[in-house]
Amino acid sequence: MSRRPRPAAAGRALLAVAGAAAWAVSAAPVAAQEPELAASQTRIEDRAAALATVRALLRALGARDLERIEALHLPQALTVVVQGGGAYPTVRALPEVLDAVGDVSVPMVERIWDPEVRVSGDLAAVWAPYDFYVGGSFSHCGEDAFHLVRAAGDWRIAAVSYTIARPPLCELHPDGPPPGAGPAPAEGNGSP
């Protein structure tokens, strides 16, 4: 004669099966999220690395380190200067930019803040307001747009575009002038 399972034992068995099924269903989204989390972490790291390349360029510019500036760019990199007012943009190849920086004999400070960084695979863009001081005096401000590509595992600058303006047409750094610089200009008509 066979024994029928007792209701309490049958209930425990059913609960055990239901619990295992619930765990499997709840664990599935976590497992599915792992690749998404890894991809998200990679995007965060890529954005940080692209921005680090831009910041390294600004430090090299301030130090007038022509070798470092060149190393941070692709050999075919371009710089586009947009002065506004209907003027045609100035386009310079990397050797022209290096010559211009090499001709400056006084300290230069370019600062960006609140950068927006976008990355898609091996392409990145960094957009930020900036201000620029030469020889301790305010020169101009505007918007920087850096376009980077990942080449041989490193982010390199393919193009830099920037506007040149004066307040109120552009912002000054929220921290005020850099250490050792003169006062920022009063708001004028915005002409450089």
Foldseek 3Di string as FASTA:
>chain_A
DDDDDDPVVVVVVVVVVVVVVVCVVVVVVVVVCVVVVVVVVVQVVVQVQLVVLVVQLQVCLQVLVLVSNCVQADQQAKEWEAADPPDDIDIDGSVVVNVVSVPADWGKGKDWPPWDWDDDAFKIKIKTKIWMATNQETDFIWMKIWIWGQDPNHTHTRYIYIYTWHPPVGDYPPVFGDPSHDGHDDHDPTHD
